[in-house]
Amino acid sequence: MNITDVYKLVPGPIKIEKVRCLTTGVAIEGPFATPAFLKLNEEQMFLVESLILHSGNLKKVAEDVGISYPTLKNRLDDIITIVKQESETMKKKRQDILDLIEKGDITPEQGATLLQAL
């Protein structure tokens, strides 16, 4: 199953809770940090993929996905906003945990556990 299939089954935000090595079969469970790109919907992921495959050439991306250049720019701006917001949210969460450690409200060990859970 690939991420596109996941989007069809679970259209909401995704939280990774288990990973497994296909070679060794070793699996690890627990909350894992979710990359900002997993916050994107299927169409947005397709645009990012096309952008990468066309080495950032927006004209080729617009042709590839069949939309105008201004529409592509607007959709890319939406993607940038999502990624920036997710990045800022994660920075704030990390800083909040570090502040709790600094104030002595939690131990460094508790803080490490909370940071790993992000």
PDB file of N, CA and C in Angstrom:
ATOM      1  N   MET A   1       0.861  -1.176   0.000  1.00  0.00           N
ATOM      2  CA  MET A   1       0.000   0.000   0.000  1.00  0.00           C
ATOM      3  C   MET A   1       0.903   1.233   0.000  1.00  0.00           C
ATOM      4  N   ASN A   2       0.556   2.188  -0.840  1.00  0.00           N
ATOM      5  CA  ASN A   2       1.328   3.431  -0.857  1.00  0.00           C
ATOM      6  C   ASN A   2       0.509   4.550  -0.218  1.00  0.00           C
ATOM      7  N   ILE A   3       1.089   5.721  -0.104  1.00  0.00           N
ATOM      8  CA  ILE A   3       0.439   6.833   0.586  1.00  0.00           C
ATOM      9  C   ILE A   3      -0.862   7.237  -0.095  1.00  0.00           C
ATOM     10  N   THR A   4      -0.929   7.095  -1.424  1.00  0.00           N
ATOM     11  CA  THR A   4      -2.167   7.425  -2.140  1.00  0.00           C
ATOM     12  C   THR A   4      -3.297   6.510  -1.683  1.00  0.00           C
ATOM     13  N   ASP A   5      -2.995   5.236  -1.493  1.00  0.00           N
ATOM     14  CA  ASP A   5      -4.009   4.298  -1.002  1.00  0.00           C
ATOM     15  C   ASP A   5      -4.448   4.666   0.413  1.00  0.00           C
ATOM     16  N   VAL A   6      -3.496   5.091   1.218  1.00  0.00           N
ATOM     17  CA  VAL A   6      -3.819   5.497   2.592  1.00  0.00           C
ATOM     18  C   VAL A   6      -4.789   6.672   2.576  1.00  0.00           C
ATOM     19  N   TYR A   7      -4.535   7.649   1.698  1.00  0.00           N
ATOM     20  CA  TYR A   7      -5.416   8.813   1.601  1.00  0.00           C
ATOM     21  C   TYR A   7      -6.849   8.409   1.252  1.00  0.00           C
ATOM     22  N   LYS A   8      -6.990   7.396   0.425  1.00  0.00           N
ATOM     23  CA  LYS A   8      -8.333   6.953   0.042  1.00  0.00           C
ATOM     24  C   LYS A   8      -9.059   6.314   1.223  1.00  0.00           C
ATOM     25  N   LEU A   9      -8.316   5.632   2.076  1.00  0.00           N
ATOM     26  CA  LEU A   9      -8.914   4.963   3.230  1.00  0.00           C
ATOM     27  C   LEU A   9      -9.084   5.889   4.435  1.00  0.00           C
ATOM     28  N   VAL A  10      -8.104   6.782   4.616  1.00  0.00           N
ATOM     29  CA  VAL A  10      -8.087   7.663   5.780  1.00  0.00           C
ATOM     30  C   VAL A  10      -7.838   9.084   5.296  1.00  0.00           C
ATOM     31  N   PRO A  11      -8.894   9.817   4.959  1.00  0.00           N
ATOM     32  CA  PRO A  11      -8.694  11.146   4.382  1.00  0.00           C
ATOM     33  C   PRO A  11      -8.263  12.220   5.380  1.00  0.00           C
ATOM     34  N   GLY A  12      -8.307  11.917   6.671  1.00  0.00           N
ATOM     35  CA  GLY A  12      -7.946  12.912   7.679  1.00  0.00           C
ATOM     36  C   GLY A  12      -6.452  12.920   7.949  1.00  0.00           C
ATOM     37  N   PRO A  13      -6.021  13.686   8.943  1.00  0.00           N
ATOM     38  CA  PRO A  13      -4.599  13.726   9.306  1.00  0.00           C
ATOM     39  C   PRO A  13      -4.092  12.335   9.684  1.00  0.00           C
ATOM     40  N   ILE A  14      -2.832  12.073   9.378  1.00  0.00           N
ATOM     41  CA  ILE A  14      -2.230  10.763   9.607  1.00  0.00           C
ATOM     42  C   ILE A  14      -1.220  10.862  10.741  1.00  0.00           C
ATOM     43  N   LYS A  15      -1.253   9.885  11.656  1.00  0.00           N
ATOM     44  CA  LYS A  15      -0.266   9.786  12.727  1.00  0.00           C
ATOM     45  C   LYS A  15       0.392   8.424  12.603  1.00  0.00           C
ATOM     46  N   ILE A  16       1.699   8.391  12.451  1.00  0.00           N
ATOM     47  CA  ILE A  16       2.417   7.133  12.303  1.00  0.00           C
ATOM     48  C   ILE A  16       2.643   6.542  13.689  1.00  0.00           C
ATOM     49  N   GLU A  17       2.219   5.284  13.868  1.00  0.00           N
ATOM     50  CA  GLU A  17       2.363   4.638  15.167  1.00  0.00           C
ATOM     51  C   GLU A  17       3.126   3.324  15.116  1.00  0.00           C
ATOM     52  N   LYS A  18       3.441   2.853  13.927  1.00  0.00           N
ATOM     53  CA  LYS A  18       4.196   1.604  13.818  1.00  0.00           C
ATOM     54  C   LYS A  18       5.012   1.637  12.534  1.00  0.00           C
ATOM     55  N   VAL A  19       6.275   1.203  12.647  1.00  0.00           N
ATOM     56  CA  VAL A  19       7.127   1.036  11.483  1.00  0.00           C
ATOM     57  C   VAL A  19       7.732  -0.357  11.535  1.00  0.00           C
ATOM     58  N   ARG A  20       7.944  -0.932  10.346  1.00  0.00           N
ATOM     59  CA  ARG A  20       8.496  -2.281  10.276  1.00  0.00           C
ATOM     60  C   ARG A  20       9.514  -2.336   9.150  1.00  0.00           C
ATOM     61  N   CYS A  21      10.670  -2.935   9.424  1.00  0.00           N
ATOM     62  CA  CYS A  21      11.704  -3.137   8.422  1.00  0.00           C
ATOM     63  C   CYS A  21      11.314  -4.331   7.559  1.00  0.00           C
ATOM     64  N   LEU A  22      11.215  -4.128   6.257  1.00  0.00           N
ATOM     65  CA  LEU A  22      10.815  -5.210   5.361  1.00  0.00           C
ATOM     66  C   LEU A  22      11.885  -6.282   5.230  1.00  0.00           C
ATOM     67  N   THR A  23      13.139  -5.924   5.488  1.00  0.00           N
ATOM     68  CA  THR A  23      14.227  -6.892   5.387  1.00  0.00           C
ATOM     69  C   THR A  23      14.298  -7.792   6.613  1.00  0.00           C
ATOM     70  N   THR A  24      14.270  -7.180   7.796  1.00  0.00           N
ATOM     71  CA  THR A  24      14.452  -7.962   9.028  1.00  0.00           C
ATOM     72  C   THR A  24      13.134  -8.348   9.698  1.00  0.00           C
ATOM     73  N   GLY A  25      12.075  -7.629   9.369  1.00  0.00           N
ATOM     74  CA  GLY A  25      10.789  -7.890  10.014  1.00  0.00           C
ATOM     75  C   GLY A  25      10.654  -7.230  11.376  1.00  0.00           C
ATOM     76  N   VAL A  26      11.692  -6.536  11.823  1.00  0.00           N
ATOM     77  CA  VAL A  26      11.647  -5.857  13.117  1.00  0.00           C
ATOM     78  C   VAL A  26      10.641  -4.710  13.035  1.00  0.00           C
ATOM     79  N   ALA A  27       9.742  -4.656  14.035  1.00  0.00           N
ATOM     80  CA  ALA A  27       8.736  -3.598  14.075  1.00  0.00           C
ATOM     81  C   ALA A  27       8.890  -2.799  15.358  1.00  0.00           C
ATOM     82  N   ILE A  28       8.649  -1.511  15.244  1.00  0.00           N
ATOM     83  CA  ILE A  28       8.711  -0.618  16.398  1.00  0.00           C
ATOM     84  C   ILE A  28       7.388   0.125  16.457  1.00  0.00           C
ATOM     85  N   GLU A  29       6.784   0.125  17.647  1.00  0.00           N
ATOM     86  CA  GLU A  29       5.511   0.824  17.819  1.00  0.00           C
ATOM     87  C   GLU A  29       5.675   1.978  18.785  1.00  0.00           C
ATOM     88  N   GLY A  30       4.863   2.984  18.581  1.00  0.00           N
ATOM     89  CA  GLY A  30       4.874   4.162  19.429  1.00  0.00           C
ATOM     90  C   GLY A  30       4.540   5.369  18.575  1.00  0.00           C
ATOM     91  N   PRO A  31       4.351   6.497  19.186  1.00  0.00           N
ATOM     92  CA  PRO A  31       4.071   7.690  18.372  1.00  0.00           C
ATOM     93  C   PRO A  31       5.349   8.175  17.698  1.00  0.00           C
ATOM     94  N   PHE A  32       5.265   8.421  16.405  1.00  0.00           N
ATOM     95  CA  PHE A  32       6.389   8.936  15.640  1.00  0.00           C
ATOM     96  C   PHE A  32       6.026  10.310  15.106  1.00  0.00           C
ATOM     97  N   ALA A  33       7.021  11.155  14.980  1.00  0.00           N
ATOM     98  CA  ALA A  33       6.788  12.473  14.396  1.00  0.00           C
ATOM     99  C   ALA A  33       6.323  12.271  12.954  1.00  0.00           C
ATOM    100  N   THR A  34       5.306  13.020  12.586  1.00  0.00           N
ATOM    101  CA  THR A  34       4.759  12.925  11.237  1.00  0.00           C
ATOM    102  C   THR A  34       5.334  14.069  10.404  1.00  0.00           C
ATOM    103  N   PRO A  35       5.962  13.748   9.287  1.00  0.00           N
ATOM    104  CA  PRO A  35       6.494  14.816   8.436  1.00  0.00           C
ATOM    105  C   PRO A  35       5.386  15.771   7.990  1.00  0.00           C
ATOM    106  N   ALA A  36       5.742  17.031   7.848  1.00  0.00           N
ATOM    107  CA  ALA A  36       4.764  18.049   7.444  1.00  0.00           C
ATOM    108  C   ALA A  36       4.070  17.673   6.144  1.00  0.00           C
ATOM    109  N   PHE A  37       4.777  16.995   5.251  1.00  0.00           N
ATOM    110  CA  PHE A  37       4.191  16.655   3.963  1.00  0.00           C
ATOM    111  C   PHE A  37       3.031  15.677   4.084  1.00  0.00           C
ATOM    112  N   LEU A  38       2.948  14.934   5.188  1.00  0.00           N
ATOM    113  CA  LEU A  38       1.813  14.034   5.368  1.00  0.00           C
ATOM    114  C   LEU A  38       0.539  14.790   5.744  1.00  0.00           C
ATOM    115  N   LYS A  39       0.663  16.072   5.969  1.00  0.00           N
ATOM    116  CA  LYS A  39      -0.511  16.910   6.224  1.00  0.00           C
ATOM    117  C   LYS A  39      -1.182  17.320   4.909  1.00  0.00           C
ATOM    118  N   LEU A  40      -0.483  17.105   3.797  1.00  0.00           N
ATOM    119  CA  LEU A  40      -1.011  17.491   2.499  1.00  0.00           C
ATOM    120  C   LEU A  40      -2.034  16.471   2.020  1.00  0.00           C
ATOM    121  N   ASN A  41      -3.004  16.953   1.247  1.00  0.00           N
ATOM    122  CA  ASN A  41      -3.973  16.018   0.677  1.00  0.00           C
ATOM    123  C   ASN A  41      -3.384  15.372  -0.578  1.00  0.00           C
ATOM    124  N   GLU A  42      -4.126  14.455  -1.166  1.00  0.00           N
ATOM    125  CA  GLU A  42      -3.621  13.688  -2.300  1.00  0.00           C
ATOM    126  C   GLU A  42      -3.236  14.593  -3.481  1.00  0.00           C
ATOM    127  N   GLU A  43      -4.058  15.570  -3.790  1.00  0.00           N
ATOM    128  CA  GLU A  43      -3.769  16.485  -4.901  1.00  0.00           C
ATOM    129  C   GLU A  43      -2.495  17.284  -4.631  1.00  0.00           C
ATOM    130  N   GLN A  44      -2.340  17.743  -3.398  1.00  0.00           N
ATOM    131  CA  GLN A  44      -1.153  18.511  -3.042  1.00  0.00           C
ATOM    132  C   GLN A  44       0.101  17.648  -3.117  1.00  0.00           C
ATOM    133  N   MET A  45      -0.004  16.395  -2.681  1.00  0.00           N
ATOM    134  CA  MET A  45       1.138  15.484  -2.769  1.00  0.00           C
ATOM    135  C   MET A  45       1.520  15.251  -4.232  1.00  0.00           C
ATOM    136  N   PHE A  46       0.524  15.137  -5.097  1.00  0.00           N
ATOM    137  CA  PHE A  46       0.774  14.950  -6.519  1.00  0.00           C
ATOM    138  C   PHE A  46       1.519  16.159  -7.092  1.00  0.00           C
ATOM    139  N   LEU A  47       1.131  17.363  -6.674  1.00  0.00           N
ATOM    140  CA  LEU A  47       1.823  18.569  -7.143  1.00  0.00           C
ATOM    141  C   LEU A  47       3.283  18.583  -6.686  1.00  0.00           C
ATOM    142  N   VAL A  48       3.513  18.222  -5.444  1.00  0.00           N
ATOM    143  CA  VAL A  48       4.888  18.192  -4.921  1.00  0.00           C
ATOM    144  C   VAL A  48       5.709  17.159  -5.689  1.00  0.00           C
ATOM    145  N   GLU A  49       5.119  15.990  -5.931  1.00  0.00           N
ATOM    146  CA  GLU A  49       5.812  14.953  -6.688  1.00  0.00           C
ATOM    147  C   GLU A  49       6.164  15.454  -8.096  1.00  0.00           C
ATOM    148  N   SER A  50       5.208  16.085  -8.754  1.00  0.00           N
ATOM    149  CA  SER A  50       5.443  16.612 -10.097  1.00  0.00           C
ATOM    150  C   SER A  50       6.524  17.697 -10.072  1.00  0.00           C
ATOM    151  N   LEU A  51       6.493  18.534  -9.048  1.00  0.00           N
ATOM    152  CA  LEU A  51       7.498  19.593  -8.901  1.00  0.00           C
ATOM    153  C   LEU A  51       8.897  18.995  -8.810  1.00  0.00           C
ATOM    154  N   ILE A  52       9.030  17.940  -8.054  1.00  0.00           N
ATOM    155  CA  ILE A  52      10.328  17.277  -7.908  1.00  0.00           C
ATOM    156  C   ILE A  52      10.743  16.627  -9.225  1.00  0.00           C
ATOM    157  N   LEU A  53       9.816  15.912  -9.852  1.00  0.00           N
ATOM    158  CA  LEU A  53      10.143  15.218 -11.096  1.00  0.00           C
ATOM    159  C   LEU A  53      10.518  16.169 -12.231  1.00  0.00           C
ATOM    160  N   HIS A  54       9.997  17.394 -12.167  1.00  0.00           N
ATOM    161  CA  HIS A  54      10.309  18.391 -13.194  1.00  0.00           C
ATOM    162  C   HIS A  54      11.357  19.399 -12.711  1.00  0.00           C
ATOM    163  N   SER A  55      12.111  19.012 -11.680  1.00  0.00           N
ATOM    164  CA  SER A  55      13.225  19.820 -11.162  1.00  0.00           C
ATOM    165  C   SER A  55      12.834  21.262 -10.864  1.00  0.00           C
ATOM    166  N   GLY A  56      11.601  21.454 -10.366  1.00  0.00           N
ATOM    167  CA  GLY A  56      11.156  22.779  -9.972  1.00  0.00           C
ATOM    168  C   GLY A  56      10.673  23.654 -11.115  1.00  0.00           C
ATOM    169  N   ASN A  57      10.590  23.121 -12.320  1.00  0.00           N
ATOM    170  CA  ASN A  57      10.134  23.906 -13.472  1.00  0.00           C
ATOM    171  C   ASN A  57       8.606  24.020 -13.413  1.00  0.00           C
ATOM    172  N   LEU A  58       8.124  25.188 -12.959  1.00  0.00           N
ATOM    173  CA  LEU A  58       6.686  25.371 -12.745  1.00  0.00           C
ATOM    174  C   LEU A  58       5.882  25.285 -14.035  1.00  0.00           C
ATOM    175  N   LYS A  59       6.461  25.742 -15.129  1.00  0.00           N
ATOM    176  CA  LYS A  59       5.752  25.670 -16.411  1.00  0.00           C
ATOM    177  C   LYS A  59       5.478  24.208 -16.775  1.00  0.00           C
ATOM    178  N   LYS A  60       6.486  23.354 -16.606  1.00  0.00           N
ATOM    179  CA  LYS A  60       6.310  21.930 -16.910  1.00  0.00           C
ATOM    180  C   LYS A  60       5.326  21.274 -15.938  1.00  0.00           C
ATOM    181  N   VAL A  61       5.375  21.675 -14.672  1.00  0.00           N
ATOM    182  CA  VAL A  61       4.439  21.126 -13.687  1.00  0.00           C
ATOM    183  C   VAL A  61       3.005  21.493 -14.065  1.00  0.00           C
ATOM    184  N   ALA A  62       2.781  22.752 -14.420  1.00  0.00           N
ATOM    185  CA  ALA A  62       1.446  23.203 -14.815  1.00  0.00           C
ATOM    186  C   ALA A  62       0.939  22.393 -16.006  1.00  0.00           C
ATOM    187  N   GLU A  63       1.808  22.162 -16.982  1.00  0.00           N
ATOM    188  CA  GLU A  63       1.426  21.353 -18.143  1.00  0.00           C
ATOM    189  C   GLU A  63       1.138  19.916 -17.733  1.00  0.00           C
ATOM    190  N   ASP A  64       1.990  19.377 -16.858  1.00  0.00           N
ATOM    191  CA  ASP A  64       1.854  17.987 -16.412  1.00  0.00           C
ATOM    192  C   ASP A  64       0.520  17.743 -15.709  1.00  0.00           C
ATOM    193  N   VAL A  65       0.115  18.660 -14.853  1.00  0.00           N
ATOM    194  CA  VAL A  65      -1.122  18.456 -14.081  1.00  0.00           C
ATOM    195  C   VAL A  65      -2.338  19.086 -14.751  1.00  0.00           C
ATOM    196  N   GLY A  66      -2.119  19.808 -15.841  1.00  0.00           N
ATOM    197  CA  GLY A  66      -3.230  20.346 -16.608  1.00  0.00           C
ATOM    198  C   GLY A  66      -3.933  21.538 -15.986  1.00  0.00           C
ATOM    199  N   ILE A  67      -3.133  22.428 -15.371  1.00  0.00           N
ATOM    200  CA  ILE A  67      -3.702  23.653 -14.801  1.00  0.00           C
ATOM    201  C   ILE A  67      -2.879  24.840 -15.272  1.00  0.00           C
ATOM    202  N   SER A  68      -3.445  26.027 -15.115  1.00  0.00           N
ATOM    203  CA  SER A  68      -2.721  27.224 -15.526  1.00  0.00           C
ATOM    204  C   SER A  68      -1.594  27.524 -14.539  1.00  0.00           C
ATOM    205  N   TYR A  69      -0.633  28.298 -15.011  1.00  0.00           N
ATOM    206  CA  TYR A  69       0.491  28.701 -14.167  1.00  0.00           C
ATOM    207  C   TYR A  69       0.018  29.460 -12.918  1.00  0.00           C
ATOM    208  N   PRO A  70      -0.904  30.452 -13.049  1.00  0.00           N
ATOM    209  CA  PRO A  70      -1.366  31.159 -11.846  1.00  0.00           C
ATOM    210  C   PRO A  70      -2.083  30.227 -10.846  1.00  0.00           C
ATOM    211  N   THR A  71      -2.837  29.263 -11.364  1.00  0.00           N
ATOM    212  CA  THR A  71      -3.511  28.302 -10.474  1.00  0.00           C
ATOM    213  C   THR A  71      -2.480  27.455  -9.744  1.00  0.00           C
ATOM    214  N   LEU A  72      -1.460  27.026 -10.473  1.00  0.00           N
ATOM    215  CA  LEU A  72      -0.384  26.252  -9.852  1.00  0.00           C
ATOM    216  C   LEU A  72       0.289  27.063  -8.756  1.00  0.00           C
ATOM    217  N   LYS A  73       0.611  28.313  -9.043  1.00  0.00           N
ATOM    218  CA  LYS A  73       1.249  29.166  -8.035  1.00  0.00           C
ATOM    219  C   LYS A  73       0.382  29.266  -6.782  1.00  0.00           C
ATOM    220  N   ASN A  74      -0.929  29.447  -6.955  1.00  0.00           N
ATOM    221  CA  ASN A  74      -1.835  29.540  -5.806  1.00  0.00           C
ATOM    222  C   ASN A  74      -1.844  28.243  -5.001  1.00  0.00           C
ATOM    223  N   ARG A  75      -1.858  27.116  -5.689  1.00  0.00           N
ATOM    224  CA  ARG A  75      -1.865  25.826  -4.985  1.00  0.00           C
ATOM    225  C   ARG A  75      -0.537  25.573  -4.276  1.00  0.00           C
ATOM    226  N   LEU A  76       0.554  25.984  -4.899  1.00  0.00           N
ATOM    227  CA  LEU A  76       1.852  25.848  -4.234  1.00  0.00           C
ATOM    228  C   LEU A  76       1.941  26.765  -3.021  1.00  0.00           C
ATOM    229  N   ASP A  77       1.358  27.952  -3.115  1.00  0.00           N
ATOM    230  CA  ASP A  77       1.316  28.851  -1.955  1.00  0.00           C
ATOM    231  C   ASP A  77       0.546  28.202  -0.806  1.00  0.00           C
ATOM    232  N   ASP A  78      -0.539  27.489  -1.120  1.00  0.00           N
ATOM    233  CA  ASP A  78      -1.299  26.774  -0.084  1.00  0.00           C
ATOM    234  C   ASP A  78      -0.434  25.702   0.569  1.00  0.00           C
ATOM    235  N   ILE A  79       0.328  24.980  -0.245  1.00  0.00           N
ATOM    236  CA  ILE A  79       1.212  23.933   0.279  1.00  0.00           C
ATOM    237  C   ILE A  79       2.282  24.555   1.175  1.00  0.00           C
ATOM    238  N   ILE A  80       2.851  25.654   0.738  1.00  0.00           N
ATOM    239  CA  ILE A  80       3.873  26.347   1.533  1.00  0.00           C
ATOM    240  C   ILE A  80       3.298  26.775   2.878  1.00  0.00           C
ATOM    241  N   THR A  81       2.078  27.281   2.866  1.00  0.00           N
ATOM    242  CA  THR A  81       1.426  27.697   4.115  1.00  0.00           C
ATOM    243  C   THR A  81       1.263  26.518   5.066  1.00  0.00           C
ATOM    244  N   ILE A  82       0.815  25.380   4.556  1.00  0.00           N
ATOM    245  CA  ILE A  82       0.628  24.189   5.389  1.00  0.00           C
ATOM    246  C   ILE A  82       1.956  23.747   5.994  1.00  0.00           C
ATOM    247  N   VAL A  83       2.995  23.673   5.177  1.00  0.00           N
ATOM    248  CA  VAL A  83       4.295  23.210   5.659  1.00  0.00           C
ATOM    249  C   VAL A  83       4.874  24.190   6.677  1.00  0.00           C
ATOM    250  N   LYS A  84       4.753  25.500   6.416  1.00  0.00           N
ATOM    251  CA  LYS A  84       5.242  26.502   7.372  1.00  0.00           C
ATOM    252  C   LYS A  84       4.494  26.410   8.698  1.00  0.00           C
ATOM    253  N   GLN A  85       3.163  26.273   8.634  1.00  0.00           N
ATOM    254  CA  GLN A  85       2.375  26.183   9.865  1.00  0.00           C
ATOM    255  C   GLN A  85       2.776  24.960  10.674  1.00  0.00           C
ATOM    256  N   GLU A  86       2.956  23.831  10.001  1.00  0.00           N
ATOM    257  CA  GLU A  86       3.346  22.607  10.698  1.00  0.00           C
ATOM    258  C   GLU A  86       4.726  22.765  11.317  1.00  0.00           C
ATOM    259  N   SER A  87       5.641  23.389  10.593  1.00  0.00           N
ATOM    260  CA  SER A  87       6.979  23.613  11.111  1.00  0.00           C
ATOM    261  C   SER A  87       6.944  24.509  12.341  1.00  0.00           C
ATOM    262  N   GLU A  88       6.177  25.590  12.279  1.00  0.00           N
ATOM    263  CA  GLU A  88       6.055  26.508  13.418  1.00  0.00           C
ATOM    264  C   GLU A  88       5.387  25.826  14.615  1.00  0.00           C
ATOM    265  N   THR A  89       4.381  25.009  14.348  1.00  0.00           N
ATOM    266  CA  THR A  89       3.705  24.278  15.425  1.00  0.00           C
ATOM    267  C   THR A  89       4.681  23.351  16.138  1.00  0.00           C
ATOM    268  N   MET A  90       5.487  22.624  15.369  1.00  0.00           N
ATOM    269  CA  MET A  90       6.457  21.706  15.967  1.00  0.00           C
ATOM    270  C   MET A  90       7.531  22.465  16.746  1.00  0.00           C
ATOM    271  N   LYS A  91       7.994  23.590  16.215  1.00  0.00           N
ATOM    272  CA  LYS A  91       8.989  24.400  16.932  1.00  0.00           C
ATOM    273  C   LYS A  91       8.425  24.871  18.259  1.00  0.00           C
ATOM    274  N   LYS A  92       7.152  25.315  18.254  1.00  0.00           N
ATOM    275  CA  LYS A  92       6.522  25.805  19.480  1.00  0.00           C
ATOM    276  C   LYS A  92       6.374  24.677  20.502  1.00  0.00           C
ATOM    277  N   LYS A  93       5.942  23.514  20.050  1.00  0.00           N
ATOM    278  CA  LYS A  93       5.794  22.374  20.965  1.00  0.00           C
ATOM    279  C   LYS A  93       7.141  22.012  21.593  1.00  0.00           C
ATOM    280  N   ARG A  94       8.189  21.980  20.775  1.00  0.00           N
ATOM    281  CA  ARG A  94       9.523  21.670  21.307  1.00  0.00           C
ATOM    282  C   ARG A  94       9.963  22.719  22.328  1.00  0.00           C
ATOM    283  N   GLN A  95       9.747  23.989  21.985  1.00  0.00           N
ATOM    284  CA  GLN A  95      10.153  25.069  22.888  1.00  0.00           C
ATOM    285  C   GLN A  95       9.362  25.016  24.186  1.00  0.00           C
ATOM    286  N   ASP A  96       8.075  24.718  24.114  1.00  0.00           N
ATOM    287  CA  ASP A  96       7.257  24.602  25.330  1.00  0.00           C
ATOM    288  C   ASP A  96       7.801  23.521  26.256  1.00  0.00           C
ATOM    289  N   ILE A  97       8.204  22.402  25.686  1.00  0.00           N
ATOM    290  CA  ILE A  97       8.763  21.312  26.500  1.00  0.00           C
ATOM    291  C   ILE A  97      10.094  21.742  27.114  1.00  0.00           C
ATOM    292  N   LEU A  98      10.937  22.384  26.322  1.00  0.00           N
ATOM    293  CA  LEU A  98      12.226  22.860  26.851  1.00  0.00           C
ATOM    294  C   LEU A  98      12.023  23.894  27.957  1.00  0.00           C
ATOM    295  N   ASP A  99      11.006  24.743  27.808  1.00  0.00           N
ATOM    296  CA  ASP A  99      10.690  25.729  28.851  1.00  0.00           C
ATOM    297  C   ASP A  99      10.248  25.042  30.141  1.00  0.00           C
ATOM    298  N   LEU A 100       9.460  23.968  30.018  1.00  0.00           N
ATOM    299  CA  LEU A 100       9.024  23.220  31.207  1.00  0.00           C
ATOM    300  C   LEU A 100      10.222  22.603  31.926  1.00  0.00           C
ATOM    301  N   ILE A 101      11.176  22.102  31.160  1.00  0.00           N
ATOM    302  CA  ILE A 101      12.391  21.533  31.761  1.00  0.00           C
ATOM    303  C   ILE A 101      13.174  22.632  32.467  1.00  0.00           C
ATOM    304  N   GLU A 102      13.337  23.763  31.793  1.00  0.00           N
ATOM    305  CA  GLU A 102      14.110  24.869  32.353  1.00  0.00           C
ATOM    306  C   GLU A 102      13.494  25.383  33.655  1.00  0.00           C
ATOM    307  N   LYS A 103      12.168  25.435  33.726  1.00  0.00           N
ATOM    308  CA  LYS A 103      11.478  25.913  34.934  1.00  0.00           C
ATOM    309  C   LYS A 103      11.467  24.869  36.048  1.00  0.00           C
ATOM    310  N   GLY A 104      11.816  23.634  35.691  1.00  0.00           N
ATOM    311  CA  GLY A 104      11.802  22.573  36.690  1.00  0.00           C
ATOM    312  C   GLY A 104      10.443  21.926  36.859  1.00  0.00           C
ATOM    313  N   ASP A 105       9.514  22.228  35.965  1.00  0.00           N
ATOM    314  CA  ASP A 105       8.178  21.627  36.041  1.00  0.00           C
ATOM    315  C   ASP A 105       8.192  20.156  35.648  1.00  0.00           C
ATOM    316  N   ILE A 106       9.145  19.775  34.801  1.00  0.00           N
ATOM    317  CA  ILE A 106       9.329  18.368  34.448  1.00  0.00           C
ATOM    318  C   ILE A 106      10.818  18.072  34.450  1.00  0.00           C
ATOM    319  N   THR A 107      11.165  16.798  34.583  1.00  0.00           N
ATOM    320  CA  THR A 107      12.571  16.395  34.580  1.00  0.00           C
ATOM    321  C   THR A 107      13.084  16.344  33.136  1.00  0.00           C
ATOM    322  N   PRO A 108      14.388  16.390  32.974  1.00  0.00           N
ATOM    323  CA  PRO A 108      14.930  16.233  31.620  1.00  0.00           C
ATOM    324  C   PRO A 108      14.512  14.913  30.969  1.00  0.00           C
ATOM    325  N   GLU A 109      14.407  13.857  31.777  1.00  0.00           N
ATOM    326  CA  GLU A 109      13.987  12.562  31.249  1.00  0.00           C
ATOM    327  C   GLU A 109      12.542  12.628  30.734  1.00  0.00           C
ATOM    328  N   GLN A 110      11.671  13.289  31.517  1.00  0.00           N
ATOM    329  CA  GLN A 110      10.285  13.450  31.075  1.00  0.00           C
ATOM    330  C   GLN A 110      10.230  14.298  29.802  1.00  0.00           C
ATOM    331  N   GLY A 111      11.046  15.331  29.770  1.00  0.00           N
ATOM    332  CA  GLY A 111      11.107  16.181  28.587  1.00  0.00           C
ATOM    333  C   GLY A 111      11.580  15.404  27.360  1.00  0.00           C
ATOM    334  N   ALA A 112      12.584  14.563  27.543  1.00  0.00           N
ATOM    335  CA  ALA A 112      13.084  13.742  26.431  1.00  0.00           C
ATOM    336  C   ALA A 112      11.995  12.826  25.898  1.00  0.00           C
ATOM    337  N   THR A 113      11.233  12.244  26.811  1.00  0.00           N
ATOM    338  CA  THR A 113      10.123  11.370  26.395  1.00  0.00           C
ATOM    339  C   THR A 113       9.072  12.162  25.609  1.00  0.00           C
ATOM    340  N   LEU A 114       8.744  13.356  26.102  1.00  0.00           N
ATOM    341  CA  LEU A 114       7.761  14.184  25.402  1.00  0.00           C
ATOM    342  C   LEU A 114       8.281  14.612  24.028  1.00  0.00           C
ATOM    343  N   LEU A 115       9.558  14.975  23.953  1.00  0.00           N
ATOM    344  CA  LEU A 115      10.133  15.376  22.663  1.00  0.00           C
ATOM    345  C   LEU A 115      10.137  14.231  21.666  1.00  0.00           C
ATOM    346  N   GLN A 116      10.430  13.030  22.154  1.00  0.00           N
ATOM    347  CA  GLN A 116      10.421  11.858  21.258  1.00  0.00           C
ATOM    348  C   GLN A 116       9.013  11.553  20.757  1.00  0.00           C
ATOM    349  N   ALA A 117       8.010  11.885  21.544  1.00  0.00           N
ATOM    350  CA  ALA A 117       6.621  11.595  21.167  1.00  0.00           C
ATOM    351  C   ALA A 117       6.075  12.568  20.139  1.00  0.00           C
ATOM    352  N   LEU A 118       6.766  13.689  19.927  1.00  0.00           N
ATOM    353  CA  LEU A 118       6.274  14.667  18.950  1.00  0.00           C
ATOM    354  C   LEU A 118       6.279  14.121  17.553  1.00  0.00           C
TER     355      LEU A 118
END
